[in-house]
């Protein structure tokens, strides 16, 4: 199940990147303007189509992200560290090693 959702998630991510890159730049945020492909896919209806496609792909991407998060954490059970018994301890502490005399030359 996780594999299927993960493959769909990756396909949505690739499609979302593609749709965003196709859209025409509307501002000079990085000084690039709308040069290069300004004649490709022009018109108001195409802009609305790409905007809606971006919104739908983004919504599906979020849904698959949440689904993957739920599937990944769904098998764990709630446990508290206070419910576990204390770890076994040694009754006698270990004795330190006795110092040795340095070797003579």
Foldseek 3Di string as FASTA:
>chain_A
DLVVLVVVLVVLVVVLVVLVVQDADPDCPVDPHRPDPVVPQDDDVSNVVSVVVNVVSVVSNVVSVVVNVCVVPVVDDDDDPVVDDDDDDDPDDDDDDDDDDDDDD
